[in-house]
Amino acid sequence: MLKPEPTLHLVCDKIAAGKSTLANRLASAPATVLISEGRWLSHLYPGEISSLEDCVRGSARLGEVMEDHVQALLGTRQSVGMDFPANTLNQRQRLEKIFKSAGFAY
């Protein structure tokens, strides 16, 4: 039996707006993976994210690989929830590129 068609969930807003709470709820659905920018950054750059500039730099690095990673997950019929801030034009454009090229529902 095939899994349902995968969906890309983008949960975007400013800091402390409730993104993580909603993303965690979405990720509790079967066959759904949560990708949290904050968690990835804290594990990839432990002790290195102490300013807004550090966060922006780390976010840009993470964004370089995220498109391929998300598409690979969707290709295995896993839905993906993305918990990313997207409060700047550059961040929104990066996420837009991911969902437009994914070829799945979002």
Foldseek 3Di string as FASTA:
>chain_A
DDDPQAAEAEQEAAPPPCLVVVLVVVQVDPLEEEDELVVVLCVVPPPQPDDPVSSVVSVVVVLVCVLVVQLVSSVVVGHYYYRDHPPDPVSVVSVVVSVVPSPGHD
